[in-house]
Amino acid sequence: MAHAIILMNLGTPAEPTPAAVRQFLRAFLSDPRVVEIPRPLWKLILNLFVLPLRPKRIAPAYEEIWNQGLDGEAVTGSPITYYTQRQVQLLKQRLDADSARDSAHADYPAAGQLRVGHAMTYGAPSLGDTVARLGQEGATSFTVIPLYPQYSATTTGAIYDQVADIIRSARNVPDIAVVHDYWQHPLYIEALANSVREHWEKNGAAEKLMMSFHGIPKANTRKGDPYYQHCCGTAEKLAEALNLSREKWEITFQSRFGKAEWLQPYTDKTLIEWGQSGVPSVDVICPAFAADCLETLEEIAVENRANFIEAGGREYRYIPALNAREDHIRLLEAIALERTPGIPAK
């Protein structure tokens, strides 16, 4: 019997076209975990205003990042899909090596008994399809690792909903576990710190390090979502690992949608304020993103760079997501092994 690890990310349009973006946004923005406005009102807004207009505006941004990697890396298609598939490939290699090395232990899965796949919350492949495929390959239990270090109902919560749907519809209910979060895992903080140190060694340290997290409506935190606390905890642990004094770093939140108040301080407004106040240089890292995507490659690396420079800043550098870094794969391996039946505790 085999156990399967499923890496799960948000998803992406199938193509950088208005039609494909519209299809993706319809699924994404129809999820009540993502938008909590009363359904009849939101359905009206979504179909009359958002879907007719927004895809045409953001499809060119998707086209800009399509087939584009960082530092000259060749990427095929959507970066988030490319990096997620690469993570699967490298994690499988590490787990197979673990099996070969520790095969003498009677309880350790034999080589090939640990499957690895990926799924997307919106778009292809779906979690249901991935569970079905891996089940056909012999997997009888599954661990889903949401590629969201910090838990939010808007992201990881939506994955739990999909697991519940699979269980509800199954005659023979699969054994599925979901990793709730890993924002304080030592290997996660180590990988983030390593990426910053390597960037500094290559480029020198900027005056400020901005840690920009994806935002959520502020009202969500009042309802009990722990995301804000997880983000603050991540930022503090990363600053501690880097020995940064408090005036050298800031936590901010990006990617607002709609008119409601979201978590603050806002990334774009902070960068403008820094530029206007004479901050000469800034490094930006996005710890909530396990793979580079539209929100990092376009919103952070391009749009917010322009905000800072136009406001008077001189140097702006984006530190890439962990993507397929060796230390990131080592983190995913550690999480996978912690959740795999029969693995002896280390």
Protein backbone atom coordinates (compact mmCIF):
# COMPACT_ATOMS: atom_id res chain seq x y z
CA MET A 1 0.00 0.00 0.00
CA ALA A 2 1.32 3.42 -0.93
CA HIS A 3 1.00 6.82 0.67
CA ALA A 4 0.66 9.97 -1.43
CA ILE A 5 1.84 13.51 -0.81
CA ILE A 6 -0.11 16.20 -2.66
CA LEU A 7 1.31 19.70 -2.96
CA MET A 8 -1.58 22.11 -3.46
CA ASN A 9 -1.48 25.70 -4.65
CA LEU A 10 -4.06 28.27 -5.71
CA GLY A 11 -4.15 27.71 -9.46
CA THR A 12 -3.89 29.74 -12.63
CA PRO A 13 -5.73 30.44 -15.86
CA ALA A 14 -5.04 27.79 -18.51
CA GLU A 15 -3.92 30.51 -20.93
CA PRO A 16 -3.08 34.22 -20.69
CA THR A 17 -6.27 35.20 -22.53
CA PRO A 18 -9.37 37.09 -21.35
CA ALA A 19 -11.54 34.00 -21.84
CA ALA A 20 -9.25 31.75 -19.78
CA VAL A 21 -8.79 34.42 -17.09
CA ARG A 22 -12.57 34.84 -16.91
CA GLN A 23 -13.03 31.09 -16.41
CA PHE A 24 -10.41 31.05 -13.65
CA LEU A 25 -11.81 34.13 -11.89
CA ARG A 26 -15.34 32.74 -12.03
CA ALA A 27 -14.27 29.66 -10.08
CA PHE A 28 -11.99 31.58 -7.73
CA LEU A 29 -14.31 34.47 -6.91
CA SER A 30 -17.40 32.27 -6.65
CA ASP A 31 -15.91 30.49 -3.65
CA PRO A 32 -17.61 31.80 -0.47
CA ARG A 33 -14.31 31.26 1.35
CA VAL A 34 -12.75 33.92 -0.87
CA VAL A 35 -15.57 36.48 -0.97
CA GLU A 36 -17.93 36.51 2.00
CA ILE A 37 -20.45 39.00 0.63
CA PRO A 38 -24.03 37.58 0.70
CA ARG A 39 -24.36 35.29 -2.32
CA PRO A 40 -27.23 37.00 -4.22
CA LEU A 41 -25.53 40.41 -4.02
CA TRP A 42 -22.09 39.06 -4.89
CA LYS A 43 -23.42 36.99 -7.79
CA LEU A 44 -24.88 40.19 -9.23
CA ILE A 45 -21.64 42.14 -8.79
CA LEU A 46 -19.50 39.29 -10.12
CA ASN A 47 -21.50 38.71 -13.28
CA LEU A 48 -22.39 42.31 -14.11
CA PHE A 49 -19.15 44.09 -13.26
CA VAL A 50 -16.19 41.90 -12.33
CA LEU A 51 -16.23 39.17 -14.96
CA PRO A 52 -17.08 41.41 -17.94
CA LEU A 53 -14.30 43.90 -17.10
CA ARG A 54 -11.50 42.48 -14.97
CA PRO A 55 -10.29 39.65 -17.29
CA LYS A 56 -9.58 42.13 -20.08
CA ARG A 57 -7.52 44.27 -17.71
CA ILE A 58 -5.39 41.53 -16.18
CA ALA A 59 -4.95 39.13 -19.12
CA PRO A 60 -2.05 41.29 -20.45
CA ALA A 61 -0.36 40.96 -17.05
CA TYR A 62 -0.63 37.17 -17.28
CA GLU A 63 0.77 37.36 -20.79
CA GLU A 64 3.78 39.30 -19.47
CA ILE A 65 4.72 36.56 -16.99
CA TRP A 66 3.84 33.59 -19.22
CA ASN A 67 6.95 31.55 -20.05
CA GLN A 68 9.00 33.97 -17.96
CA GLY A 69 11.29 32.78 -15.18
CA LEU A 70 13.51 34.67 -12.79
CA ASP A 71 17.21 35.21 -13.43
CA GLY A 72 16.95 33.86 -16.95
CA GLU A 73 15.32 30.55 -15.98
CA ALA A 74 13.28 28.96 -18.76
CA VAL A 75 9.67 28.48 -17.72
CA THR A 76 6.97 26.75 -19.72
CA GLY A 77 3.52 28.25 -19.38
CA SER A 78 2.29 29.64 -16.09
CA PRO A 79 5.09 30.16 -13.53
CA ILE A 80 2.98 28.93 -10.61
CA THR A 81 2.28 25.67 -12.44
CA TYR A 82 5.88 25.32 -13.56
CA TYR A 83 7.34 25.82 -10.09
CA THR A 84 4.74 23.58 -8.42
CA GLN A 85 5.47 20.76 -10.87
CA ARG A 86 9.19 21.26 -10.30
CA GLN A 87 8.64 21.05 -6.55
CA VAL A 88 6.81 17.74 -7.06
CA GLN A 89 9.64 16.36 -9.18
CA LEU A 90 12.37 17.32 -6.71
CA LEU A 91 10.40 16.19 -3.67
CA LYS A 92 9.80 12.80 -5.29
CA GLN A 93 13.54 12.45 -5.92
CA ARG A 94 14.34 13.22 -2.28
CA LEU A 95 11.70 10.84 -0.93
CA ASP A 96 12.89 8.04 -3.20
CA ALA A 97 16.42 8.64 -1.96
CA ASP A 98 15.14 8.51 1.63
CA SER A 99 13.45 5.17 0.93
CA ALA A 100 16.57 3.70 -0.62
CA ARG A 101 18.74 4.89 2.25
CA ASP A 102 16.41 3.78 5.06
CA SER A 103 14.98 0.64 3.48
CA ALA A 104 16.56 -1.50 6.19
CA HIS A 105 13.99 -0.15 8.65
CA ALA A 106 11.05 -2.54 8.56
CA ASP A 107 8.43 0.22 8.90
CA TYR A 108 9.90 2.57 6.32
CA PRO A 109 8.05 2.66 2.97
CA ALA A 110 9.91 0.87 0.22
CA ALA A 111 11.18 2.77 -2.79
CA GLY A 112 8.24 3.77 -4.97
CA GLN A 113 5.69 3.47 -2.15
CA LEU A 114 5.58 7.22 -1.60
CA ARG A 115 3.70 8.93 -4.41
CA VAL A 116 3.89 12.68 -5.02
CA GLY A 117 1.47 14.79 -7.02
CA HIS A 118 0.03 18.27 -7.14
CA ALA A 119 -3.38 19.89 -7.33
CA MET A 120 -4.83 23.37 -7.68
CA THR A 121 -7.70 24.79 -5.68
CA TYR A 122 -9.01 26.45 -8.85
CA GLY A 123 -8.21 25.11 -12.27
CA ALA A 124 -6.43 21.91 -13.23
CA PRO A 125 -5.60 19.46 -11.89
CA SER A 126 -8.28 19.46 -9.22
CA LEU A 127 -7.77 17.78 -5.86
CA GLY A 128 -10.44 15.22 -6.67
CA ASP A 129 -8.76 14.27 -9.94
CA THR A 130 -5.34 14.02 -8.28
CA VAL A 131 -6.64 11.84 -5.44
CA ALA A 132 -8.38 9.58 -7.98
CA ARG A 133 -5.24 9.28 -10.14
CA LEU A 134 -2.94 8.53 -7.23
CA GLY A 135 -5.49 6.06 -5.88
CA GLN A 136 -5.40 4.20 -9.18
CA GLU A 137 -1.61 4.07 -8.78
CA GLY A 138 -2.01 2.30 -5.44
CA ALA A 139 -2.17 5.11 -2.89
CA THR A 140 -4.48 4.33 0.03
CA SER A 141 -3.72 7.34 2.21
CA PHE A 142 -2.98 10.95 1.38
CA THR A 143 -1.34 14.00 2.93
CA VAL A 144 -2.24 17.33 1.36
CA ILE A 145 0.35 20.06 1.90
CA PRO A 146 -1.21 23.45 1.07
CA LEU A 147 1.59 25.68 -0.20
CA TYR A 148 0.43 28.40 2.17
CA PRO A 149 2.74 28.61 5.19
CA GLN A 150 0.26 30.84 7.02
CA TYR A 151 -3.28 29.51 7.46
CA SER A 152 -6.23 31.52 6.21
CA ALA A 153 -9.81 30.45 5.66
CA THR A 154 -9.52 32.09 2.23
CA THR A 155 -6.77 29.69 1.13
CA THR A 156 -6.18 26.60 3.27
CA GLY A 157 -9.79 26.68 4.47
CA ALA A 158 -10.94 26.30 0.87
CA ILE A 159 -8.77 23.18 0.59
CA TYR A 160 -10.42 21.65 3.65
CA ASP A 161 -13.77 22.30 1.95
CA GLN A 162 -12.63 20.36 -1.11
CA VAL A 163 -11.42 17.47 1.06
CA ALA A 164 -14.84 17.46 2.74
CA ASP A 165 -16.51 17.32 -0.69
CA ILE A 166 -14.39 14.30 -1.65
CA ILE A 167 -15.25 12.53 1.61
CA ARG A 168 -18.93 13.37 1.32
CA SER A 169 -19.21 11.94 -2.18
CA ALA A 170 -17.09 8.81 -1.66
CA ARG A 171 -18.44 5.34 -0.98
CA ASN A 172 -15.05 4.14 0.23
CA VAL A 173 -13.88 7.25 2.05
CA PRO A 174 -10.17 7.94 1.42
CA ASP A 175 -7.80 8.59 4.32
CA ILE A 176 -6.85 12.24 3.75
CA ALA A 177 -4.97 14.53 6.12
CA VAL A 178 -4.29 18.23 5.54
CA VAL A 179 -1.33 20.17 6.91
CA HIS A 180 -2.92 23.17 8.62
CA ASP A 181 0.10 25.52 8.47
CA TYR A 182 3.88 25.59 8.75
CA TRP A 183 4.70 29.26 9.32
CA GLN A 184 6.89 28.53 12.32
CA HIS A 185 8.65 25.43 10.99
CA PRO A 186 12.40 25.97 11.56
CA LEU A 187 13.27 24.83 8.03
CA TYR A 188 10.80 27.32 6.54
CA ILE A 189 12.36 30.22 8.44
CA GLU A 190 15.82 28.92 7.54
CA ALA A 191 14.97 28.77 3.83
CA LEU A 192 13.58 32.32 3.88
CA ALA A 193 16.64 33.60 5.74
CA ASN A 194 18.98 31.81 3.34
CA SER A 195 17.27 33.41 0.35
CA VAL A 196 17.69 36.87 1.87
CA ARG A 197 21.33 36.28 2.83
CA GLU A 198 22.18 35.04 -0.66
CA HIS A 199 20.48 38.09 -2.15
CA TRP A 200 22.49 40.37 0.13
CA GLU A 201 25.74 38.60 -0.70
CA LYS A 202 25.07 39.20 -4.38
CA ASN A 203 23.56 42.69 -4.29
CA GLY A 204 24.29 44.16 -0.87
CA ALA A 205 21.60 44.86 1.73
CA ALA A 206 19.06 47.62 1.06
CA GLU A 207 18.14 50.24 3.64
CA LYS A 208 14.85 48.45 4.34
CA LEU A 209 13.59 44.86 4.07
CA MET A 210 9.88 44.74 3.29
CA MET A 211 8.05 41.49 4.03
CA SER A 212 4.93 41.70 1.87
CA PHE A 213 2.17 39.18 2.52
CA HIS A 214 -0.99 38.64 0.53
CA GLY A 215 -3.79 40.59 2.17
CA ILE A 216 -7.22 39.53 3.38
CA PRO A 217 -10.16 41.68 4.53
CA LYS A 218 -9.57 43.01 8.03
CA ALA A 219 -13.03 41.79 9.02
CA ASN A 220 -11.85 38.21 8.54
CA THR A 221 -9.43 38.53 11.44
CA ARG A 222 -12.19 39.81 13.70
CA LYS A 223 -14.14 36.66 12.84
CA GLY A 224 -11.28 34.44 14.01
CA ASP A 225 -8.99 33.97 11.01
CA PRO A 226 -5.43 33.54 12.43
CA TYR A 227 -3.69 34.68 9.24
CA TYR A 228 -2.58 38.08 10.56
CA GLN A 229 -0.99 36.50 13.64
CA HIS A 230 0.75 33.88 11.49
CA CYS A 231 2.14 36.59 9.18
CA CYS A 232 3.39 38.68 12.09
CA GLY A 233 4.97 35.59 13.64
CA THR A 234 6.72 34.76 10.37
CA ALA A 235 8.07 38.29 9.99
CA GLU A 236 9.37 38.38 13.55
CA LYS A 237 11.08 34.99 13.23
CA LEU A 238 12.67 35.95 9.90
CA ALA A 239 13.91 39.27 11.29
CA GLU A 240 15.36 37.45 14.29
CA ALA A 241 17.12 34.92 12.04
CA LEU A 242 18.64 37.80 10.07
CA ASN A 243 19.58 39.79 13.22
CA LEU A 244 17.64 42.78 11.93
CA SER A 245 16.81 45.68 14.22
CA ARG A 246 13.15 46.73 14.12
CA GLU A 247 13.74 49.91 12.10
CA LYS A 248 15.31 47.85 9.30
CA TRP A 249 12.21 45.83 8.38
CA GLU A 250 8.47 46.17 7.94
CA ILE A 251 5.52 43.84 7.39
CA THR A 252 2.98 44.92 4.77
CA PHE A 253 0.03 43.45 2.87
CA GLN A 254 -0.62 43.45 -0.88
CA SER A 255 -3.25 42.46 -3.46
CA ARG A 256 -6.35 44.29 -2.21
CA PHE A 257 -9.65 43.66 -3.96
CA GLY A 258 -12.82 45.68 -3.59
CA LYS A 259 -13.57 48.64 -1.31
CA ALA A 260 -13.48 46.97 2.12
CA GLU A 261 -10.64 47.66 4.53
CA TRP A 262 -7.92 45.02 4.28
CA LEU A 263 -4.99 44.19 6.53
CA GLN A 264 -2.56 47.08 6.88
CA PRO A 265 -0.08 48.62 6.31
CA TYR A 266 -0.61 48.34 2.57
CA THR A 267 2.43 47.43 0.47
CA ASP A 268 1.89 49.96 -2.32
CA LYS A 269 1.17 52.90 -0.02
CA THR A 270 4.11 52.08 2.24
CA LEU A 271 6.50 52.02 -0.71
CA ILE A 272 5.23 55.40 -1.90
CA GLU A 273 5.65 56.83 1.60
CA TRP A 274 9.18 55.43 1.81
CA GLY A 275 10.13 56.89 -1.54
CA GLN A 276 8.73 60.29 -0.63
CA SER A 277 10.45 60.29 2.78
CA GLY A 278 13.91 59.60 1.38
CA VAL A 279 14.36 55.85 1.89
CA PRO A 280 16.95 55.17 -0.85
CA SER A 281 16.65 51.40 -1.29
CA VAL A 282 14.37 48.49 -0.45
CA ASP A 283 14.46 44.72 -0.74
CA VAL A 284 11.06 43.01 -0.92
CA ILE A 285 10.34 39.39 -0.03
CA CYS A 286 6.91 37.72 -0.14
CA PRO A 287 6.99 34.93 2.50
CA ALA A 288 3.38 33.82 1.95
CA PHE A 289 4.08 32.66 -1.61
CA ALA A 290 5.72 29.26 -2.09
CA ALA A 291 5.94 29.80 -5.85
CA ASP A 292 6.25 32.92 -7.94
CA CYS A 293 3.06 33.98 -9.68
CA LEU A 294 1.19 37.04 -10.93
CA GLU A 295 1.13 38.66 -7.47
CA THR A 296 4.92 38.49 -7.15
CA LEU A 297 6.24 38.71 -10.71
CA GLU A 298 3.91 41.49 -11.83
CA GLU A 299 2.41 43.23 -8.80
CA ILE A 300 5.56 43.22 -6.65
CA ALA A 301 8.46 43.03 -9.11
CA VAL A 302 7.01 45.48 -11.66
CA GLU A 303 4.08 47.58 -10.40
CA ASN A 304 5.35 48.28 -6.90
CA ARG A 305 8.86 48.89 -8.14
CA ALA A 306 7.40 51.68 -10.26
CA ASN A 307 5.52 53.03 -7.23
CA PHE A 308 8.73 53.26 -5.21
CA ILE A 309 10.94 54.70 -7.94
CA GLU A 310 8.37 57.28 -9.04
CA ALA A 311 7.99 58.40 -5.41
CA GLY A 312 11.70 59.13 -5.16
CA GLY A 313 13.31 55.80 -4.23
CA ARG A 314 16.49 54.78 -6.03
CA GLU A 315 16.97 51.01 -5.70
CA TYR A 316 14.24 48.37 -5.54
CA ARG A 317 14.91 44.64 -5.61
CA TYR A 318 12.53 41.71 -5.39
CA ILE A 319 13.78 38.55 -3.64
CA PRO A 320 12.18 35.55 -5.44
CA ALA A 321 9.84 33.10 -3.75
CA LEU A 322 11.37 29.86 -2.47
CA ASN A 323 10.20 28.06 -5.62
CA ALA A 324 12.44 25.03 -6.26
CA ARG A 325 15.32 25.99 -3.96
CA GLU A 326 17.04 22.99 -2.37
CA ASP A 327 16.31 24.22 1.15
CA HIS A 328 12.63 24.68 0.24
CA ILE A 329 12.40 21.11 -1.04
CA ARG A 330 14.11 19.96 2.17
CA LEU A 331 11.36 21.72 4.12
CA LEU A 332 8.62 20.04 2.06
CA GLU A 333 10.38 16.71 2.57
CA ALA A 334 10.43 17.23 6.33
CA ILE A 335 6.72 18.11 6.41
CA ALA A 336 5.90 15.10 4.21
CA LEU A 337 7.87 12.68 6.37
CA GLU A 338 6.33 14.05 9.56
CA ARG A 339 2.89 13.17 8.12
CA THR A 340 3.67 9.84 6.44
CA PRO A 341 2.46 6.67 8.22
CA GLY A 342 5.25 4.30 9.23
CA ILE A 343 8.05 6.85 9.15
CA PRO A 344 10.11 6.50 12.35
CA ALA A 345 10.39 9.73 14.34
CA LYS A 346 13.71 11.54 14.07
